[in-house]
Amino acid sequence: MNHTTPSSHTSSQTTKVKVYLIMATFGELHDQLMDLETAAVMKERVASSTRKGYESRNVAFMIWLFDNEQYHNLLEPHIFSEMVEAENKDCNTLTKKHTHSKKRFFLRAVCRLALTSMNPGVLTTIPIKLDILSFTIFNRFLSTFKKTVAKDDSATIRLSPSSYDAACSALSHLFTESGISKESNESTKELWTKLSAYKKGTRRLGVKEKDNLGLSTDEGKKPLPFSAYKYLAKVLFESSKAEHVAAHTFLIIEWNLISRAEFVVNSKIDSIWCHGDAILFDIGKTKTDQEGTKNIDHPWHVYANNECAYICPVLALARHLITYPKILAGNCPLFEGSGQYVRYNNILNEIVSSNEHRNKFVSLGMPPEHFGTHSIRKGAVTHISTGTTSSPPIASICLRANWAMPGVMNRYIKHENAGDQFVGKCVSGRSRLSKEFAASPAYFDFSVLTRPEKERNEKVIDSWIQSRMPEAARSNEKVFALFKMCVASLAYHRQFLDENLHSRSNVRMSIFFLEQIPLVEHVTVLYPWNKHAILLRLRASHQISS
């Protein structure tokens, strides 16, 4: 007999409905999260810095369309309405001097939001009607890429070819993000066909304009000469400013790795280790290898320079680590903080352009207006490839700089340690035609001692260093081995540091500088041919003890 009452049956049905609704809601949320994850994965196909560059250029194009009334039909209506409101806000925004702001902050924010909120396939979310964009219109936008030259205020010349390339790349990115094909109709086909020819023409025309005005046709930053590199390192080394310790390390590492500044800024202490007489840098993701698979299992070799302490990579790293010892704990960037690229770029440019040093850099072949962080990379490559008649193979240089070689060379010529070791020693600034090219880094040498003495001394120096490291770093064997090499470099160059460090330098405040490093009499620099002498001494001591 069924004793279920109508009310209990209704309650049961209600519960089932609630459970169903909850499960349905959960399913929808799960699907939405999956969609968001998919969108995030799709965005990773383009580096975040590159994406930001595309967005800024497309924002400029949107504002140009907005400022020219005849092109308002190319902007999506509801986005255009938001742009009008934003423009009104900008017009009512006053600066500290109570003048109208020209930055158009609100308008740019609306454009940027519209570009980042696009949904491929949904035309109402795409800010620019790309299917009706013609070559004529976009070409008129590119025609605004001009600047007034300082030599003659009445003359204007085209911007560098890279500016046109960047604008076209940003537009291409916009097509991809919107899901609109470049061959969707005759207008878009014509746009991309003619843009290629236009870019070639503007390159030649730009050169002619500069030639007519007697201007240099060089593009980009000039390479930093080796002599100017040493002088810049010297200025940073002897400075009293705390931030110049890290800036000096940044300069030395970028030069020795022949890398882009972005890689140095993002490098981690855990990707640095030592083996034999070299410091090794594991190279992960780079501009030309966004997946980080190109340089697996072959790190770059960096070597000490005992001839010129100002540019010695081991000593530079030692100064940096004893000034910022928390880095030794690992799991953190070598240069902590946000916006480090801009910070170091500003520091280096400030020194090169300063009244105190400007004339010196000009005399060394580095005019301030032609200097940038990329000058360091260019200068390092120039120094090792053409600095002397004894240079590494061009293939090893290209591999170190992450440059693709032409044709089958890129397919068949691969990394080998010998080639990179030669590059590393050359770029360190060692004299290639002297015995110093074969010198070891400074290290604690107990080889002439008996085995018990050797083991005892190793324990003494290891425990002394570990007791002064952050507790979290003491168990990290890889970092400890690296830091021990740095401490040996500090001991070897101690007199030089005493004489050349500024009296208010932060390096002097480190415990590794304030206290006497034990067993400094065993810190030495040797050469390959010293091995024979060491063996003879060992045999002699063994015969005496016998």
Protein backbone atom coordinates (compact mmCIF):
# COMPACT_ATOMS: atom_id res chain seq x y z
CA MET A 1 0.00 0.00 0.00
CA ASN A 2 1.43 3.41 -1.02
CA HIS A 3 1.45 5.80 1.94
CA THR A 4 3.11 8.71 0.06
CA THR A 5 1.15 11.90 0.58
CA PRO A 6 0.73 14.56 -2.16
CA SER A 7 2.83 17.04 -0.19
CA SER A 8 5.79 14.67 0.21
CA HIS A 9 5.59 13.77 -3.49
CA THR A 10 5.66 17.46 -4.41
CA SER A 11 8.61 18.05 -2.06
CA SER A 12 10.52 15.19 -3.68
CA GLN A 13 9.83 16.56 -7.14
CA THR A 14 10.96 20.03 -6.05
CA THR A 15 14.20 18.61 -4.67
CA LYS A 16 14.86 16.79 -7.94
CA VAL A 17 14.24 19.98 -9.88
CA LYS A 18 16.64 21.91 -7.65
CA VAL A 19 19.30 19.24 -8.02
CA TYR A 20 18.82 19.27 -11.78
CA LEU A 21 19.08 23.07 -11.91
CA ILE A 22 22.22 23.02 -9.75
CA MET A 23 23.81 20.38 -11.97
CA ALA A 24 22.80 22.28 -15.10
CA THR A 25 24.24 25.49 -13.66
CA PHE A 26 27.44 23.69 -12.68
CA GLY A 27 27.67 22.25 -16.17
CA GLU A 28 27.26 25.69 -17.72
CA LEU A 29 29.92 27.15 -15.41
CA HIS A 30 32.24 24.27 -16.23
CA ASP A 31 31.71 24.87 -19.96
CA GLN A 32 32.36 28.59 -19.52
CA LEU A 33 35.58 27.89 -17.64
CA MET A 34 36.65 25.52 -20.39
CA ASP A 35 35.90 28.19 -23.00
CA LEU A 36 37.92 30.76 -21.05
CA GLU A 37 40.81 28.32 -20.76
CA THR A 38 40.67 27.66 -24.51
CA ALA A 39 40.70 31.40 -25.19
CA ALA A 40 43.71 31.82 -22.90
CA VAL A 41 45.55 29.01 -24.67
CA MET A 42 44.81 30.58 -28.06
CA LYS A 43 46.20 33.92 -26.87
CA GLU A 44 49.48 32.29 -25.88
CA ARG A 45 50.33 31.72 -29.54
CA VAL A 46 51.49 35.36 -29.50
CA ALA A 47 53.87 36.63 -26.81
CA SER A 48 52.24 39.09 -24.40
CA SER A 49 54.74 41.85 -25.23
CA THR A 50 54.10 41.38 -28.95
CA ARG A 51 50.34 41.40 -28.38
CA LYS A 52 50.59 44.67 -26.48
CA GLY A 53 52.54 46.18 -29.36
CA TYR A 54 49.86 45.10 -31.83
CA GLU A 55 47.13 46.53 -29.61
CA SER A 56 48.82 49.93 -29.27
CA ARG A 57 49.20 50.24 -33.05
CA ASN A 58 45.63 49.16 -33.71
CA VAL A 59 44.44 51.66 -31.09
CA ALA A 60 46.26 54.36 -33.07
CA PHE A 61 44.48 53.21 -36.25
CA MET A 62 41.07 53.28 -34.52
CA ILE A 63 41.70 56.82 -33.25
CA TRP A 64 42.77 57.92 -36.74
CA LEU A 65 39.49 56.58 -38.15
CA PHE A 66 37.61 58.34 -35.35
CA ASP A 67 39.35 61.65 -36.04
CA ASN A 68 38.47 61.53 -39.74
CA GLU A 69 34.70 61.87 -40.10
CA GLN A 70 34.57 60.31 -43.57
CA TYR A 71 35.76 56.98 -42.11
CA HIS A 72 33.31 56.70 -39.21
CA ASN A 73 31.42 54.03 -41.16
CA LEU A 74 34.40 51.68 -40.67
CA LEU A 75 33.89 51.67 -36.89
CA GLU A 76 31.29 49.38 -35.31
CA PRO A 77 28.32 51.65 -34.34
CA HIS A 78 28.03 50.77 -30.65
CA ILE A 79 31.82 50.98 -30.20
CA PHE A 80 31.82 54.32 -32.02
CA SER A 81 29.19 55.59 -29.52
CA GLU A 82 31.44 54.54 -26.63
CA MET A 83 34.35 56.33 -28.29
CA VAL A 84 32.30 59.54 -28.54
CA GLU A 85 31.48 59.36 -24.82
CA ALA A 86 35.14 58.70 -23.98
CA GLU A 87 36.24 61.65 -26.13
CA ASN A 88 33.84 63.92 -24.22
CA LYS A 89 35.37 62.76 -20.94
CA ASP A 90 38.86 63.46 -22.26
CA CYS A 91 37.79 66.95 -23.34
CA ASN A 92 36.59 67.66 -19.79
CA THR A 93 39.75 66.29 -18.19
CA LEU A 94 42.16 68.96 -17.00
CA THR A 95 45.84 68.62 -16.26
CA LYS A 96 47.56 69.94 -13.14
CA LYS A 97 48.09 73.20 -15.04
CA HIS A 98 44.31 73.37 -15.70
CA THR A 99 44.74 72.84 -19.42
CA HIS A 100 42.89 70.25 -21.49
CA SER A 101 44.65 66.89 -21.56
CA LYS A 102 45.96 65.71 -24.93
CA LYS A 103 46.62 62.12 -23.88
CA ARG A 104 43.03 60.98 -24.64
CA PHE A 105 43.23 58.44 -21.84
CA PHE A 106 39.54 57.46 -21.87
CA LEU A 107 39.41 57.13 -25.65
CA ARG A 108 42.44 54.86 -25.71
CA ALA A 109 41.00 52.76 -22.90
CA VAL A 110 37.76 52.21 -24.86
CA CYS A 111 39.70 51.21 -27.98
CA ARG A 112 41.94 48.85 -26.04
CA LEU A 113 38.96 47.20 -24.33
CA ALA A 114 37.22 46.75 -27.67
CA LEU A 115 40.30 45.07 -29.14
CA THR A 116 40.78 42.70 -26.20
CA SER A 117 37.07 41.78 -26.07
CA MET A 118 36.70 40.61 -29.67
CA ASN A 119 34.84 37.37 -30.27
CA PRO A 120 35.89 35.74 -33.57
CA GLY A 121 32.92 35.35 -35.86
CA VAL A 122 30.71 37.84 -34.00
CA LEU A 123 30.89 40.96 -36.16
CA THR A 124 29.36 43.27 -33.54
CA THR A 125 32.37 42.66 -31.26
CA ILE A 126 34.94 43.57 -33.93
CA PRO A 127 35.71 47.31 -33.61
CA ILE A 128 36.76 47.85 -37.25
CA LYS A 129 34.76 46.62 -40.24
CA LEU A 130 37.68 44.86 -41.85
CA ASP A 131 35.62 43.40 -44.69
CA ILE A 132 35.15 46.90 -46.17
CA LEU A 133 38.62 48.25 -45.32
CA SER A 134 40.37 49.22 -48.55
CA PHE A 135 44.02 49.72 -49.41
CA THR A 136 43.38 53.38 -50.15
CA ILE A 137 42.10 54.06 -46.63
CA PHE A 138 44.85 52.16 -44.80
CA ASN A 139 47.47 53.73 -47.07
CA ARG A 140 46.23 57.19 -46.04
CA PHE A 141 46.77 56.16 -42.44
CA LEU A 142 50.33 54.97 -43.24
CA SER A 143 50.99 58.28 -45.00
CA THR A 144 50.84 60.00 -41.60
CA PHE A 145 53.97 58.10 -40.52
CA LYS A 146 56.31 61.07 -40.86
CA LYS A 147 58.49 63.15 -38.62
CA THR A 148 60.07 66.59 -38.70
CA VAL A 149 63.84 66.39 -38.84
CA ALA A 150 65.89 68.45 -36.42
CA LYS A 151 68.20 69.66 -39.18
CA ASP A 152 65.43 71.54 -40.94
CA ASP A 153 62.14 72.17 -39.13
CA SER A 154 60.37 72.69 -42.44
CA ALA A 155 61.32 69.25 -43.79
CA THR A 156 59.54 66.02 -42.98
CA ILE A 157 60.69 62.51 -43.77
CA ARG A 158 59.10 59.10 -43.54
CA LEU A 159 59.56 57.01 -40.44
CA SER A 160 61.81 53.95 -40.58
CA PRO A 161 60.60 50.89 -42.56
CA SER A 162 60.12 49.03 -39.28
CA SER A 163 57.28 51.43 -38.38
CA TYR A 164 55.36 50.48 -41.54
CA ASP A 165 56.10 46.81 -41.00
CA ALA A 166 54.80 47.04 -37.43
CA ALA A 167 51.54 48.71 -38.49
CA CYS A 168 50.94 46.08 -41.18
CA SER A 169 51.74 43.25 -38.76
CA ALA A 170 49.28 44.73 -36.25
CA LEU A 171 46.55 44.86 -38.92
CA SER A 172 47.31 41.26 -39.91
CA HIS A 173 46.97 40.27 -36.25
CA LEU A 174 43.62 42.06 -36.12
CA PHE A 175 42.38 40.02 -39.10
CA THR A 176 43.48 36.80 -37.39
CA GLU A 177 41.91 37.71 -34.04
CA SER A 178 38.62 38.68 -35.66
CA GLY A 179 38.38 35.47 -37.69
CA ILE A 180 38.06 37.42 -40.95
CA SER A 181 40.03 36.04 -43.88
CA LYS A 182 42.39 38.30 -45.80
CA GLU A 183 40.78 36.93 -48.96
CA SER A 184 37.16 37.34 -47.87
CA ASN A 185 36.42 39.71 -50.77
CA GLU A 186 38.11 41.71 -53.53
CA SER A 187 38.71 44.68 -51.24
CA THR A 188 40.72 42.67 -48.67
CA LYS A 189 42.61 40.83 -51.43
CA GLU A 190 43.65 44.13 -52.96
CA LEU A 191 44.60 45.50 -49.54
CA TRP A 192 47.17 42.78 -48.81
CA THR A 193 48.46 42.54 -52.35
CA LYS A 194 49.22 46.25 -52.60
CA LEU A 195 50.56 46.60 -49.06
CA SER A 196 53.52 44.40 -49.95
CA ALA A 197 54.43 46.62 -52.89
CA TYR A 198 53.83 49.79 -50.84
CA LYS A 199 56.28 48.71 -48.14
CA LYS A 200 59.00 48.09 -50.71
CA GLY A 201 58.39 51.50 -52.24
CA THR A 202 58.43 53.35 -48.93
CA ARG A 203 61.81 51.78 -48.07
CA ARG A 204 63.42 53.22 -51.18
CA LEU A 205 61.66 56.55 -50.88
CA GLY A 206 62.73 56.88 -47.24
CA VAL A 207 66.38 56.39 -48.20
CA LYS A 208 66.09 59.01 -50.96
CA GLU A 209 64.56 61.53 -48.55
CA LYS A 210 67.43 61.04 -46.09
CA ASP A 211 70.05 61.25 -48.84
CA ASN A 212 68.59 64.53 -50.12
CA LEU A 213 68.83 66.03 -46.64
CA GLY A 214 72.28 64.56 -45.92
CA LEU A 215 70.98 62.38 -43.09
CA SER A 216 72.31 58.98 -42.07
CA THR A 217 70.44 56.02 -43.53
CA ASP A 218 71.35 53.76 -40.62
CA GLU A 219 68.39 52.21 -38.85
CA GLY A 220 68.24 51.09 -35.24
CA LYS A 221 70.86 51.42 -32.52
CA LYS A 222 74.59 51.31 -33.20
CA PRO A 223 76.82 48.58 -31.74
CA LEU A 224 78.51 49.43 -28.45
CA PRO A 225 82.29 49.40 -29.08
CA PHE A 226 84.30 47.20 -26.73
CA SER A 227 86.17 50.21 -25.33
CA ALA A 228 82.87 51.98 -24.59
CA TYR A 229 81.53 48.78 -23.00
CA LYS A 230 84.50 48.66 -20.62
CA TYR A 231 84.08 52.33 -19.74
CA LEU A 232 80.35 51.92 -19.07
CA ALA A 233 81.09 48.91 -16.85
CA LYS A 234 83.74 50.93 -14.99
CA VAL A 235 81.31 53.79 -14.29
CA LEU A 236 78.68 51.40 -12.93
CA PHE A 237 81.28 49.43 -10.94
CA GLU A 238 82.65 52.50 -9.16
CA SER A 239 79.27 54.14 -8.56
CA SER A 240 77.86 54.77 -5.09
CA LYS A 241 74.24 54.24 -6.21
CA ALA A 242 72.64 51.02 -4.97
CA GLU A 243 70.77 50.38 -8.23
CA HIS A 244 74.01 50.48 -10.20
CA VAL A 245 75.17 47.16 -8.72
CA ALA A 246 72.29 45.34 -10.43
CA ALA A 247 72.64 47.50 -13.56
CA HIS A 248 76.31 46.51 -13.81
CA THR A 249 75.40 42.82 -13.58
CA PHE A 250 72.67 43.33 -16.19
CA LEU A 251 75.16 44.92 -18.59
CA ILE A 252 77.81 42.21 -18.14
CA ILE A 253 75.37 39.29 -18.51
CA GLU A 254 73.65 40.76 -21.58
CA TRP A 255 77.02 41.31 -23.26
CA ASN A 256 78.34 37.82 -22.45
CA LEU A 257 75.18 35.97 -23.44
CA ILE A 258 74.78 38.08 -26.61
CA SER A 259 71.11 38.02 -25.71
CA ARG A 260 68.19 40.37 -25.89
CA ALA A 261 67.63 42.48 -22.80
CA GLU A 262 64.24 40.85 -22.21
CA PHE A 263 65.88 37.46 -21.61
CA VAL A 264 68.34 38.87 -19.06
CA VAL A 265 65.53 40.58 -17.17
CA ASN A 266 63.55 37.33 -16.97
CA SER A 267 66.50 35.02 -16.15
CA LYS A 268 66.24 32.93 -12.97
CA ILE A 269 68.98 32.05 -10.49
CA ASP A 270 67.87 28.40 -10.78
CA SER A 271 68.79 28.41 -14.49
CA ILE A 272 72.40 29.34 -13.70
CA TRP A 273 75.01 26.82 -12.59
CA CYS A 274 78.70 26.12 -12.90
CA HIS A 275 80.66 23.29 -14.42
CA GLY A 276 84.44 23.14 -14.68
CA ASP A 277 85.75 26.63 -15.34
CA ALA A 278 82.50 28.10 -16.72
CA ILE A 279 79.21 29.48 -15.52
CA LEU A 280 76.38 27.94 -17.53
CA PHE A 281 73.09 29.62 -18.40
CA ASP A 282 70.17 27.41 -19.38
CA ILE A 283 68.32 29.18 -22.18
CA GLY A 284 64.57 28.73 -22.13
CA LYS A 285 62.03 30.70 -24.13
CA THR A 286 63.41 33.36 -26.47
CA LYS A 287 61.93 35.72 -29.03
CA THR A 288 62.61 33.25 -31.85
CA ASP A 289 61.73 30.19 -29.76
CA GLN A 290 58.52 30.85 -27.86
CA GLU A 291 58.10 27.15 -26.98
CA GLY A 292 61.55 27.02 -25.34
CA THR A 293 62.60 23.82 -27.14
CA LYS A 294 65.39 25.10 -29.41
CA ASN A 295 68.13 25.29 -26.76
CA ILE A 296 67.33 22.27 -24.58
CA ASP A 297 70.39 20.48 -23.19
CA HIS A 298 72.99 22.98 -24.40
CA PRO A 299 73.51 25.94 -22.06
CA TRP A 300 75.63 28.97 -22.89
CA HIS A 301 79.13 29.14 -21.38
CA VAL A 302 80.21 32.31 -19.57
CA TYR A 303 83.81 32.78 -18.44
CA ALA A 304 85.67 34.96 -15.96
CA ASN A 305 87.94 37.78 -17.08
CA ASN A 306 90.86 38.09 -14.66
CA GLU A 307 92.58 40.77 -16.74
CA CYS A 308 89.85 43.40 -16.36
CA ALA A 309 87.80 43.06 -13.17
CA TYR A 310 85.32 45.71 -14.35
CA ILE A 311 83.94 43.32 -16.97
CA CYS A 312 84.46 39.99 -15.18
CA PRO A 313 81.11 38.13 -15.26
CA VAL A 314 81.92 36.04 -12.16
CA LEU A 315 82.83 39.10 -10.09
CA ALA A 316 79.76 40.97 -11.39
CA LEU A 317 77.52 38.10 -10.35
CA ALA A 318 79.33 37.88 -6.98
CA ARG A 319 78.71 41.59 -6.26
CA HIS A 320 75.06 41.20 -7.20
CA LEU A 321 74.46 38.09 -5.06
CA ILE A 322 76.14 39.39 -1.91
CA THR A 323 74.18 42.64 -2.26
CA TYR A 324 70.88 40.79 -2.75
CA PRO A 325 71.47 37.48 -0.89
CA LYS A 326 67.78 36.50 -0.86
CA ILE A 327 68.16 35.59 -4.54
CA LEU A 328 70.30 32.61 -3.45
CA ALA A 329 67.20 30.93 -2.00
CA GLY A 330 66.07 30.28 -5.58
CA ASN A 331 62.66 30.21 -7.25
CA CYS A 332 62.97 33.90 -8.10
CA PRO A 333 64.26 36.09 -10.94
CA LEU A 334 67.87 37.20 -10.91
CA PHE A 335 66.58 40.78 -11.09
CA GLU A 336 63.56 41.12 -8.81
CA GLY A 337 60.76 43.62 -9.29
CA SER A 338 58.51 44.70 -12.13
CA GLY A 339 59.46 46.93 -15.05
CA GLN A 340 63.14 45.97 -14.84
CA TYR A 341 63.75 46.33 -18.58
CA VAL A 342 62.66 49.99 -18.54
CA ARG A 343 64.59 50.56 -15.33
CA TYR A 344 67.95 49.31 -16.64
CA ASN A 345 67.45 50.91 -20.02
CA ASN A 346 66.91 54.26 -18.28
CA ILE A 347 69.95 53.79 -16.03
CA LEU A 348 72.29 52.96 -18.91
CA ASN A 349 70.94 55.74 -21.13
CA GLU A 350 71.23 58.23 -18.28
CA ILE A 351 74.95 57.48 -17.88
CA VAL A 352 75.75 57.55 -21.59
CA SER A 353 73.85 60.84 -22.03
CA SER A 354 75.04 62.54 -18.82
CA ASN A 355 77.10 65.72 -19.01
CA GLU A 356 79.83 63.97 -17.03
CA HIS A 357 80.33 61.07 -19.46
CA ARG A 358 78.76 62.15 -22.75
CA ASN A 359 81.95 63.42 -24.40
CA LYS A 360 83.87 60.31 -23.34
CA PHE A 361 81.32 57.99 -24.97
CA VAL A 362 81.30 60.11 -28.14
CA SER A 363 85.10 59.85 -28.31
CA LEU A 364 84.80 56.07 -27.89
CA GLY A 365 82.40 55.85 -30.85
CA MET A 366 79.10 55.68 -28.97
CA PRO A 367 76.96 58.83 -29.48
CA PRO A 368 74.17 58.83 -26.85
CA GLU A 369 71.39 59.25 -29.42
CA HIS A 370 72.41 55.95 -31.04
CA PHE A 371 72.64 53.96 -27.78
CA GLY A 372 70.10 51.46 -26.46
CA THR A 373 70.09 48.07 -24.76
CA HIS A 374 70.24 46.47 -28.21
CA SER A 375 73.59 48.26 -28.72
CA ILE A 376 75.04 45.86 -26.14
CA ARG A 377 73.98 42.79 -28.11
CA LYS A 378 75.23 44.30 -31.38
CA GLY A 379 78.51 45.32 -29.77
CA ALA A 380 79.17 41.87 -28.33
CA VAL A 381 78.64 40.19 -31.70
CA THR A 382 80.82 42.77 -33.45
CA HIS A 383 83.61 42.31 -30.89
CA ILE A 384 83.83 38.51 -31.13
CA SER A 385 83.34 38.28 -34.90
CA THR A 386 85.57 41.11 -36.11
CA GLY A 387 87.47 42.28 -33.02
CA THR A 388 90.56 40.30 -34.04
CA THR A 389 91.63 37.98 -36.84
CA SER A 390 91.15 35.07 -34.41
CA SER A 391 87.39 34.71 -34.24
CA PRO A 392 84.97 31.83 -33.51
CA PRO A 393 83.11 30.11 -36.37
CA ILE A 394 80.19 32.18 -37.61
CA ALA A 395 77.90 29.19 -37.01
CA SER A 396 78.74 29.19 -33.28
CA ILE A 397 78.09 32.94 -33.11
CA CYS A 398 74.71 32.58 -34.84
CA LEU A 399 73.70 29.75 -32.50
CA ARG A 400 74.69 31.80 -29.45
CA ALA A 401 72.73 34.82 -30.72
CA ASN A 402 69.73 32.64 -31.63
CA TRP A 403 69.90 33.58 -35.31
CA ALA A 404 68.69 31.24 -38.03
CA MET A 405 71.32 30.38 -40.61
CA PRO A 406 70.40 30.30 -44.30
CA GLY A 407 69.31 27.19 -46.18
CA VAL A 408 70.52 23.78 -45.12
CA MET A 409 73.05 25.27 -42.68
CA ASN A 410 70.31 25.78 -40.11
CA ARG A 411 69.27 22.15 -40.54
CA TYR A 412 72.69 20.50 -40.38
CA ILE A 413 74.92 22.72 -38.23
CA LYS A 414 74.03 22.20 -34.58
CA HIS A 415 75.35 23.24 -31.17
CA GLU A 416 78.54 21.75 -29.78
CA ASN A 417 80.17 22.76 -26.52
CA ALA A 418 83.57 23.49 -28.09
CA GLY A 419 82.17 26.18 -30.38
CA ASP A 420 80.15 27.83 -27.60
CA GLN A 421 83.10 27.67 -25.21
CA PHE A 422 85.24 29.51 -27.76
CA VAL A 423 82.49 32.12 -28.18
CA GLY A 424 82.16 32.47 -24.39
CA LYS A 425 85.86 33.10 -23.87
CA CYS A 426 86.04 35.59 -26.74
CA VAL A 427 83.01 37.61 -25.65
CA SER A 428 84.30 37.78 -22.05
CA GLY A 429 86.93 40.24 -23.30
CA ARG A 430 89.95 38.03 -22.70
CA SER A 431 93.03 38.79 -24.80
CA ARG A 432 92.80 36.18 -27.54
CA LEU A 433 96.46 36.41 -28.44
CA SER A 434 97.86 36.06 -24.92
CA LYS A 435 98.12 33.28 -22.34
CA GLU A 436 95.26 34.87 -20.36
CA PHE A 437 92.83 33.41 -22.87
CA ALA A 438 93.45 30.00 -21.27
CA ALA A 439 93.27 31.14 -17.64
CA SER A 440 90.97 29.44 -15.15
CA PRO A 441 88.58 31.40 -12.93
CA ALA A 442 89.70 32.14 -9.40
CA TYR A 443 89.08 29.10 -7.20
CA PHE A 444 90.13 27.47 -3.91
CA ASP A 445 93.01 25.15 -4.83
CA PHE A 446 93.91 22.48 -2.25
CA SER A 447 95.47 20.06 -4.73
CA VAL A 448 99.00 20.27 -3.25
CA LEU A 449 97.77 19.29 0.23
CA THR A 450 97.42 15.83 1.64
CA ARG A 451 94.04 14.22 1.42
CA PRO A 452 93.08 14.82 5.10
CA GLU A 453 94.18 18.47 4.86
CA LYS A 454 92.29 18.92 1.63
CA GLU A 455 89.08 17.48 3.08
CA ARG A 456 89.45 19.59 6.24
CA ASN A 457 89.93 22.80 4.27
CA GLU A 458 87.01 22.03 1.97
CA LYS A 459 84.78 21.64 5.03
CA VAL A 460 86.07 24.89 6.54
CA ILE A 461 85.37 27.04 3.50
CA ASP A 462 82.07 25.31 2.68
CA SER A 463 80.69 25.69 6.20
CA TRP A 464 81.87 29.32 6.38
CA ILE A 465 80.03 30.20 3.16
CA GLN A 466 76.88 28.19 4.00
CA SER A 467 76.57 29.70 7.48
CA ARG A 468 76.36 33.16 5.89
CA MET A 469 73.89 32.25 3.17
CA PRO A 470 70.09 32.45 3.66
CA GLU A 471 68.92 29.28 5.39
CA ALA A 472 66.66 28.35 2.47
CA ALA A 473 69.66 28.41 0.12
CA ARG A 474 72.02 26.15 2.07
CA SER A 475 70.56 22.90 0.78
CA ASN A 476 70.57 24.00 -2.87
CA GLU A 477 73.76 22.31 -4.10
CA LYS A 478 73.66 23.84 -7.59
CA VAL A 479 73.35 27.41 -6.30
CA PHE A 480 75.98 26.77 -3.62
CA ALA A 481 78.57 25.60 -6.18
CA LEU A 482 77.90 28.73 -8.22
CA PHE A 483 78.15 30.98 -5.18
CA LYS A 484 81.39 29.33 -4.03
CA MET A 485 82.96 30.31 -7.35
CA CYS A 486 81.69 33.86 -6.76
CA VAL A 487 83.21 33.97 -3.26
CA ALA A 488 86.57 32.84 -4.66
CA SER A 489 86.37 35.68 -7.18
CA LEU A 490 85.69 38.16 -4.37
CA ALA A 491 88.75 36.90 -2.50
CA TYR A 492 90.95 37.03 -5.61
CA HIS A 493 89.93 40.59 -6.49
CA ARG A 494 89.78 41.87 -2.89
CA GLN A 495 92.55 44.45 -3.27
CA PHE A 496 91.01 45.73 -6.50
CA LEU A 497 87.63 46.04 -4.77
CA ASP A 498 89.15 47.90 -1.82
CA GLU A 499 90.78 50.40 -4.18
CA ASN A 500 87.98 50.93 -6.69
CA LEU A 501 84.64 50.47 -4.92
CA HIS A 502 82.98 53.69 -3.83
CA SER A 503 83.15 54.26 -0.09
CA ARG A 504 79.32 54.22 0.08
CA SER A 505 78.86 51.21 -2.18
CA ASN A 506 76.31 48.66 -0.95
CA VAL A 507 78.82 45.90 -1.72
CA ARG A 508 80.92 47.07 1.24
CA MET A 509 77.98 46.41 3.57
CA SER A 510 77.82 42.69 2.82
CA ILE A 511 79.05 40.21 5.42
CA PHE A 512 81.15 38.60 2.70
CA PHE A 513 83.02 41.88 2.37
CA LEU A 514 83.12 42.90 6.02
CA GLU A 515 84.56 39.58 7.24
CA GLN A 516 87.84 38.02 6.20
CA ILE A 517 87.25 35.07 3.88
CA PRO A 518 89.17 32.07 5.26
CA LEU A 519 91.90 30.26 3.33
CA VAL A 520 92.37 33.13 0.84
CA GLU A 521 96.00 32.05 0.46
CA HIS A 522 94.69 29.04 -1.46
CA VAL A 523 92.70 31.14 -3.97
CA THR A 524 94.50 31.01 -7.29
CA VAL A 525 94.23 31.21 -11.06
CA LEU A 526 95.92 28.48 -13.10
CA TYR A 527 96.49 27.54 -16.74
CA PRO A 528 96.25 24.16 -18.49
CA TRP A 529 100.05 23.76 -18.50
CA ASN A 530 100.12 24.16 -14.69
CA LYS A 531 98.67 20.65 -14.33
CA HIS A 532 102.09 19.11 -15.04
CA ALA A 533 103.74 21.23 -12.34
CA ILE A 534 101.04 20.28 -9.85
CA LEU A 535 101.53 16.59 -10.57
CA LEU A 536 105.27 16.94 -10.02
CA ARG A 537 104.68 18.67 -6.69
CA LEU A 538 102.23 15.97 -5.63
CA ARG A 539 104.71 13.22 -6.51
CA ALA A 540 107.48 15.03 -4.67
CA SER A 541 105.36 15.46 -1.53
CA HIS A 542 104.36 11.80 -1.73
CA GLN A 543 108.02 10.69 -1.91
CA ILE A 544 108.91 12.89 1.08
CA SER A 545 106.05 11.49 3.17
CA SER A 546 107.11 7.95 2.18
